């Protein structure tokens, strides 16, 4: 619970910081944006591993929590896909460089 709370606080603060960087067209924005996605992917993987390591009081609880794990795995896959698409766009596109970076 503490890990998740700290991670969500970090994600919220980092999101706000990214908004400031984007608004100011700071040259650090593309790299920090990619780091943001990498952090979320790492968080999802660590959270999934922790979920699988838990001791469950019953088989029904185990099935319920592991089905949540499958949803988390799907979400991590979507985040990887978003990183590939948007990370590439921000790093390669001339238009994105003119939009997000001075």
N, C-alpha and C. Protein backbone atom coordinates (compact mmCIF):
# COMPACT_ATOMS: atom_id res chain seq x y z
N UNK A 1 0.84 -1.19 0.00
CA UNK A 1 0.00 0.00 0.00
C UNK A 1 0.88 1.25 0.00
N UNK A 2 1.95 1.24 0.77
CA UNK A 2 2.83 2.40 0.83
C UNK A 2 3.50 2.62 -0.53
N UNK A 3 3.94 1.53 -1.15
CA UNK A 3 4.58 1.62 -2.47
C UNK A 3 3.63 2.24 -3.49
N UNK A 4 2.40 1.77 -3.50
CA UNK A 4 1.42 2.31 -4.46
C UNK A 4 1.12 3.78 -4.19
N UNK A 5 0.99 4.14 -2.93
CA UNK A 5 0.70 5.54 -2.59
C UNK A 5 1.85 6.45 -3.02
N UNK A 6 3.07 6.05 -2.72
CA UNK A 6 4.23 6.85 -3.13
C UNK A 6 4.34 6.94 -4.64
N UNK A 7 4.06 5.83 -5.32
CA UNK A 7 4.13 5.83 -6.78
C UNK A 7 3.08 6.77 -7.37
N UNK A 8 1.86 6.74 -6.83
CA UNK A 8 0.81 7.62 -7.35
C UNK A 8 1.13 9.10 -7.07
N UNK A 9 1.71 9.37 -5.92
CA UNK A 9 2.12 10.75 -5.63
C UNK A 9 3.20 11.20 -6.63
N UNK A 10 4.17 10.33 -6.86
CA UNK A 10 5.23 10.65 -7.82
C UNK A 10 4.65 10.86 -9.22
N UNK A 11 3.74 10.00 -9.65
CA UNK A 11 3.13 10.13 -10.97
C UNK A 11 2.37 11.44 -11.09
N UNK A 12 1.65 11.81 -10.05
CA UNK A 12 0.89 13.07 -10.07
C UNK A 12 1.82 14.27 -10.15
N UNK A 13 2.83 14.30 -9.29
CA UNK A 13 3.76 15.42 -9.27
C UNK A 13 4.53 15.49 -10.59
N UNK A 14 4.97 14.35 -11.10
CA UNK A 14 5.71 14.33 -12.35
C UNK A 14 4.83 14.78 -13.52
N UNK A 15 3.56 14.41 -13.51
CA UNK A 15 2.63 14.86 -14.55
C UNK A 15 2.50 16.38 -14.55
N UNK A 16 2.37 16.95 -13.37
CA UNK A 16 2.28 18.40 -13.27
C UNK A 16 3.57 19.06 -13.74
N UNK A 17 4.70 18.48 -13.39
CA UNK A 17 5.99 19.00 -13.83
C UNK A 17 6.11 18.93 -15.35
N UNK A 18 5.64 17.83 -15.94
CA UNK A 18 5.66 17.70 -17.40
C UNK A 18 4.79 18.77 -18.06
N UNK A 19 3.66 19.07 -17.45
CA UNK A 19 2.81 20.13 -18.00
C UNK A 19 3.53 21.48 -17.99
N UNK A 20 4.26 21.75 -16.92
CA UNK A 20 5.02 23.00 -16.84
C UNK A 20 6.11 23.02 -17.91
N UNK A 21 6.83 21.90 -18.06
CA UNK A 21 7.88 21.83 -19.08
C UNK A 21 7.30 22.01 -20.48
N UNK A 22 6.17 21.37 -20.74
CA UNK A 22 5.55 21.48 -22.06
C UNK A 22 5.08 22.91 -22.31
N UNK A 23 4.48 23.52 -21.31
CA UNK A 23 3.98 24.89 -21.44
C UNK A 23 5.11 25.88 -21.71
N UNK A 24 6.26 25.64 -21.06
CA UNK A 24 7.42 26.52 -21.25
C UNK A 24 8.28 26.12 -22.44
N UNK A 25 7.87 25.08 -23.16
CA UNK A 25 8.60 24.56 -24.32
C UNK A 25 10.06 24.27 -23.98
N UNK A 26 10.25 23.63 -22.84
CA UNK A 26 11.58 23.30 -22.35
C UNK A 26 12.17 22.14 -23.15
N UNK A 27 13.46 22.21 -23.43
CA UNK A 27 14.10 21.16 -24.22
C UNK A 27 14.20 19.83 -23.48
N UNK A 28 14.02 19.83 -22.17
CA UNK A 28 14.06 18.59 -21.38
C UNK A 28 12.77 17.79 -21.49
N UNK A 29 11.71 18.41 -21.99
CA UNK A 29 10.40 17.76 -22.01
C UNK A 29 10.40 16.39 -22.69
N UNK A 30 10.94 16.23 -23.92
CA UNK A 30 10.86 14.91 -24.55
C UNK A 30 11.50 13.79 -23.72
N UNK A 31 12.67 14.04 -23.17
CA UNK A 31 13.34 13.00 -22.37
C UNK A 31 12.58 12.70 -21.08
N UNK A 32 12.08 13.73 -20.43
CA UNK A 32 11.33 13.52 -19.19
C UNK A 32 10.01 12.83 -19.46
N UNK A 33 9.42 13.10 -20.61
CA UNK A 33 8.17 12.45 -21.01
C UNK A 33 8.39 10.95 -21.20
N UNK A 34 9.48 10.61 -21.84
CA UNK A 34 9.81 9.19 -22.04
C UNK A 34 10.11 8.53 -20.70
N UNK A 35 10.85 9.21 -19.81
CA UNK A 35 11.11 8.68 -18.48
C UNK A 35 9.81 8.42 -17.73
N UNK A 36 8.84 9.31 -17.90
CA UNK A 36 7.53 9.16 -17.26
C UNK A 36 6.88 7.83 -17.67
N UNK A 37 6.88 7.54 -18.97
CA UNK A 37 6.33 6.27 -19.45
C UNK A 37 7.12 5.08 -18.92
N UNK A 38 8.44 5.18 -18.90
CA UNK A 38 9.26 4.08 -18.40
C UNK A 38 8.99 3.82 -16.92
N UNK A 39 8.80 4.89 -16.14
CA UNK A 39 8.48 4.73 -14.73
C UNK A 39 7.15 4.00 -14.57
N UNK A 40 6.14 4.38 -15.35
CA UNK A 40 4.83 3.73 -15.24
C UNK A 40 4.92 2.26 -15.62
N UNK A 41 5.70 1.94 -16.64
CA UNK A 41 5.87 0.54 -17.04
C UNK A 41 6.56 -0.24 -15.91
N UNK A 42 7.63 0.33 -15.34
CA UNK A 42 8.33 -0.34 -14.23
C UNK A 42 7.40 -0.52 -13.04
N UNK A 43 6.60 0.51 -12.73
CA UNK A 43 5.65 0.41 -11.63
C UNK A 43 4.65 -0.72 -11.88
N UNK A 44 4.11 -0.80 -13.08
CA UNK A 44 3.14 -1.85 -13.40
C UNK A 44 3.76 -3.24 -13.24
N UNK A 45 4.99 -3.41 -13.69
CA UNK A 45 5.66 -4.71 -13.59
C UNK A 45 5.92 -5.07 -12.13
N UNK A 46 6.43 -4.12 -11.34
CA UNK A 46 6.70 -4.39 -9.92
C UNK A 46 5.40 -4.71 -9.19
N UNK A 47 4.35 -3.97 -9.48
CA UNK A 47 3.06 -4.20 -8.84
C UNK A 47 2.50 -5.56 -9.23
N UNK A 48 2.67 -5.96 -10.46
CA UNK A 48 2.20 -7.27 -10.91
C UNK A 48 2.97 -8.40 -10.22
N UNK A 49 4.27 -8.24 -10.10
CA UNK A 49 5.09 -9.25 -9.41
C UNK A 49 4.67 -9.36 -7.95
N UNK A 50 4.46 -8.23 -7.29
CA UNK A 50 4.03 -8.24 -5.90
C UNK A 50 2.67 -8.90 -5.75
N UNK A 51 1.77 -8.66 -6.68
CA UNK A 51 0.44 -9.27 -6.64
C UNK A 51 0.52 -10.79 -6.76
N UNK A 52 1.41 -11.27 -7.60
CA UNK A 52 1.56 -12.72 -7.78
C UNK A 52 2.24 -13.39 -6.60
N UNK A 53 3.00 -12.63 -5.81
CA UNK A 53 3.72 -13.20 -4.67
C UNK A 53 2.88 -13.25 -3.39
N UNK A 54 1.72 -12.62 -3.40
CA UNK A 54 0.88 -12.59 -2.19
C UNK A 54 0.38 -13.99 -1.81
N UNK A 55 0.18 -14.19 -0.53
CA UNK A 55 -0.47 -15.41 -0.04
C UNK A 55 -1.96 -15.11 0.07
N UNK A 56 -2.78 -15.95 -0.53
CA UNK A 56 -4.22 -15.71 -0.56
C UNK A 56 -4.94 -16.66 0.40
N UNK A 57 -5.96 -16.18 1.10
CA UNK A 57 -6.66 -17.01 2.08
C UNK A 57 -7.51 -18.11 1.43
N UNK A 58 -7.94 -17.90 0.20
CA UNK A 58 -8.75 -18.92 -0.47
C UNK A 58 -8.45 -18.90 -1.96
N UNK A 59 -8.87 -19.96 -2.61
CA UNK A 59 -8.66 -20.06 -4.05
C UNK A 59 -9.50 -19.04 -4.81
N UNK A 60 -10.68 -18.71 -4.27
CA UNK A 60 -11.52 -17.70 -4.91
C UNK A 60 -10.84 -16.33 -4.88
N UNK A 61 -10.25 -15.99 -3.75
CA UNK A 61 -9.52 -14.72 -3.64
C UNK A 61 -8.33 -14.71 -4.60
N UNK A 62 -7.66 -15.84 -4.69
CA UNK A 62 -6.52 -15.94 -5.61
C UNK A 62 -6.96 -15.68 -7.04
N UNK A 63 -8.06 -16.30 -7.45
CA UNK A 63 -8.57 -16.12 -8.81
C UNK A 63 -8.98 -14.67 -9.06
N UNK A 64 -9.61 -14.07 -8.07
CA UNK A 64 -10.03 -12.67 -8.20
C UNK A 64 -8.82 -11.75 -8.37
N UNK A 65 -7.81 -11.91 -7.52
CA UNK A 65 -6.64 -11.04 -7.60
C UNK A 65 -5.82 -11.29 -8.86
N UNK A 66 -5.74 -12.55 -9.29
CA UNK A 66 -4.97 -12.83 -10.51
C UNK A 66 -5.69 -12.31 -11.75
N UNK A 67 -7.02 -12.25 -11.71
CA UNK A 67 -7.73 -11.64 -12.85
C UNK A 67 -7.43 -10.15 -12.90
N UNK A 68 -7.27 -9.52 -11.74
CA UNK A 68 -6.83 -8.12 -11.70
C UNK A 68 -5.42 -8.00 -12.26
N UNK A 69 -4.59 -8.99 -11.98
CA UNK A 69 -3.23 -9.00 -12.52
C UNK A 69 -3.22 -9.05 -14.03
N UNK A 70 -4.16 -9.80 -14.61
CA UNK A 70 -4.27 -9.85 -16.07
C UNK A 70 -4.64 -8.48 -16.63
N UNK A 71 -5.51 -7.77 -15.94
CA UNK A 71 -5.88 -6.41 -16.37
C UNK A 71 -4.66 -5.48 -16.28
N UNK A 72 -3.86 -5.66 -15.22
CA UNK A 72 -2.67 -4.84 -15.05
C UNK A 72 -1.66 -5.12 -16.16
N UNK A 73 -1.53 -6.39 -16.54
CA UNK A 73 -0.62 -6.75 -17.61
C UNK A 73 -1.06 -6.13 -18.93
N UNK A 74 -2.36 -6.15 -19.19
CA UNK A 74 -2.91 -5.51 -20.39
C UNK A 74 -2.62 -4.01 -20.37
N UNK A 75 -2.79 -3.38 -19.20
CA UNK A 75 -2.52 -1.95 -19.07
C UNK A 75 -1.04 -1.66 -19.31
N UNK A 76 -0.15 -2.50 -18.82
CA UNK A 76 1.28 -2.31 -19.06
C UNK A 76 1.59 -2.42 -20.55
N UNK A 77 0.93 -3.34 -21.23
CA UNK A 77 1.11 -3.47 -22.67
C UNK A 77 0.65 -2.22 -23.41
N UNK A 78 -0.46 -1.65 -22.98
CA UNK A 78 -0.95 -0.41 -23.59
C UNK A 78 0.03 0.73 -23.35
N UNK A 79 0.63 0.77 -22.17
CA UNK A 79 1.59 1.82 -21.86
C UNK A 79 2.84 1.66 -22.72
N UNK A 80 3.29 0.44 -22.94
CA UNK A 80 4.45 0.19 -23.81
C UNK A 80 4.12 0.66 -25.23
N UNK A 81 2.94 0.34 -25.71
CA UNK A 81 2.52 0.77 -27.04
C UNK A 81 2.48 2.30 -27.13
N UNK A 82 1.94 2.95 -26.11
CA UNK A 82 1.89 4.42 -26.09
C UNK A 82 3.30 5.00 -26.09
N UNK A 83 4.21 4.38 -25.34
CA UNK A 83 5.60 4.85 -25.32
C UNK A 83 6.23 4.73 -26.70
N UNK A 84 6.00 3.61 -27.36
CA UNK A 84 6.58 3.42 -28.70
C UNK A 84 6.05 4.47 -29.66
N UNK A 85 4.75 4.70 -29.64
CA UNK A 85 4.15 5.65 -30.58
C UNK A 85 4.53 7.08 -30.23
N UNK A 86 4.22 7.53 -29.01
CA UNK A 86 4.41 8.93 -28.65
C UNK A 86 5.86 9.27 -28.39
N UNK A 87 6.62 8.35 -27.83
CA UNK A 87 8.03 8.61 -27.62
C UNK A 87 8.77 8.81 -28.93
N UNK A 88 8.47 7.95 -29.90
CA UNK A 88 9.06 8.09 -31.22
C UNK A 88 8.63 9.40 -31.87
N UNK A 89 7.36 9.72 -31.77
CA UNK A 89 6.84 10.95 -32.37
C UNK A 89 7.53 12.19 -31.79
N UNK A 90 7.65 12.24 -30.49
CA UNK A 90 8.24 13.41 -29.85
C UNK A 90 9.74 13.52 -30.15
N UNK A 91 10.43 12.40 -30.23
CA UNK A 91 11.87 12.44 -30.47
C UNK A 91 12.22 12.66 -31.94
N UNK A 92 11.40 12.18 -32.87
CA UNK A 92 11.75 12.19 -34.29
C UNK A 92 11.08 13.31 -35.07
N UNK A 93 9.83 13.60 -34.78
CA UNK A 93 9.04 14.53 -35.58
C UNK A 93 9.54 15.97 -35.47
N UNK A 94 9.74 16.61 -36.62
CA UNK A 94 10.11 18.02 -36.63
C UNK A 94 8.97 18.88 -36.10
N UNK A 95 7.76 18.50 -36.45
CA UNK A 95 6.60 19.25 -35.99
C UNK A 95 6.50 19.21 -34.46
N UNK A 96 6.73 18.05 -33.87
CA UNK A 96 6.68 17.93 -32.41
C UNK A 96 7.79 18.77 -31.77
N UNK A 97 8.96 18.77 -32.37
CA UNK A 97 10.05 19.57 -31.82
C UNK A 97 9.70 21.05 -31.83
N UNK A 98 9.04 21.50 -32.90
CA UNK A 98 8.63 22.91 -32.96
C UNK A 98 7.48 23.21 -31.99
N UNK A 99 6.66 22.20 -31.71
CA UNK A 99 5.53 22.40 -30.81
C UNK A 99 5.96 22.37 -29.35
N UNK A 100 6.80 21.41 -28.98
CA UNK A 100 7.10 21.17 -27.58
C UNK A 100 8.43 21.75 -27.11
N UNK A 101 9.31 22.11 -28.02
CA UNK A 101 10.65 22.55 -27.63
C UNK A 101 11.00 23.85 -28.36
N UNK A 102 11.54 24.82 -27.62
CA UNK A 102 11.99 26.07 -28.26
C UNK A 102 13.29 25.84 -28.98
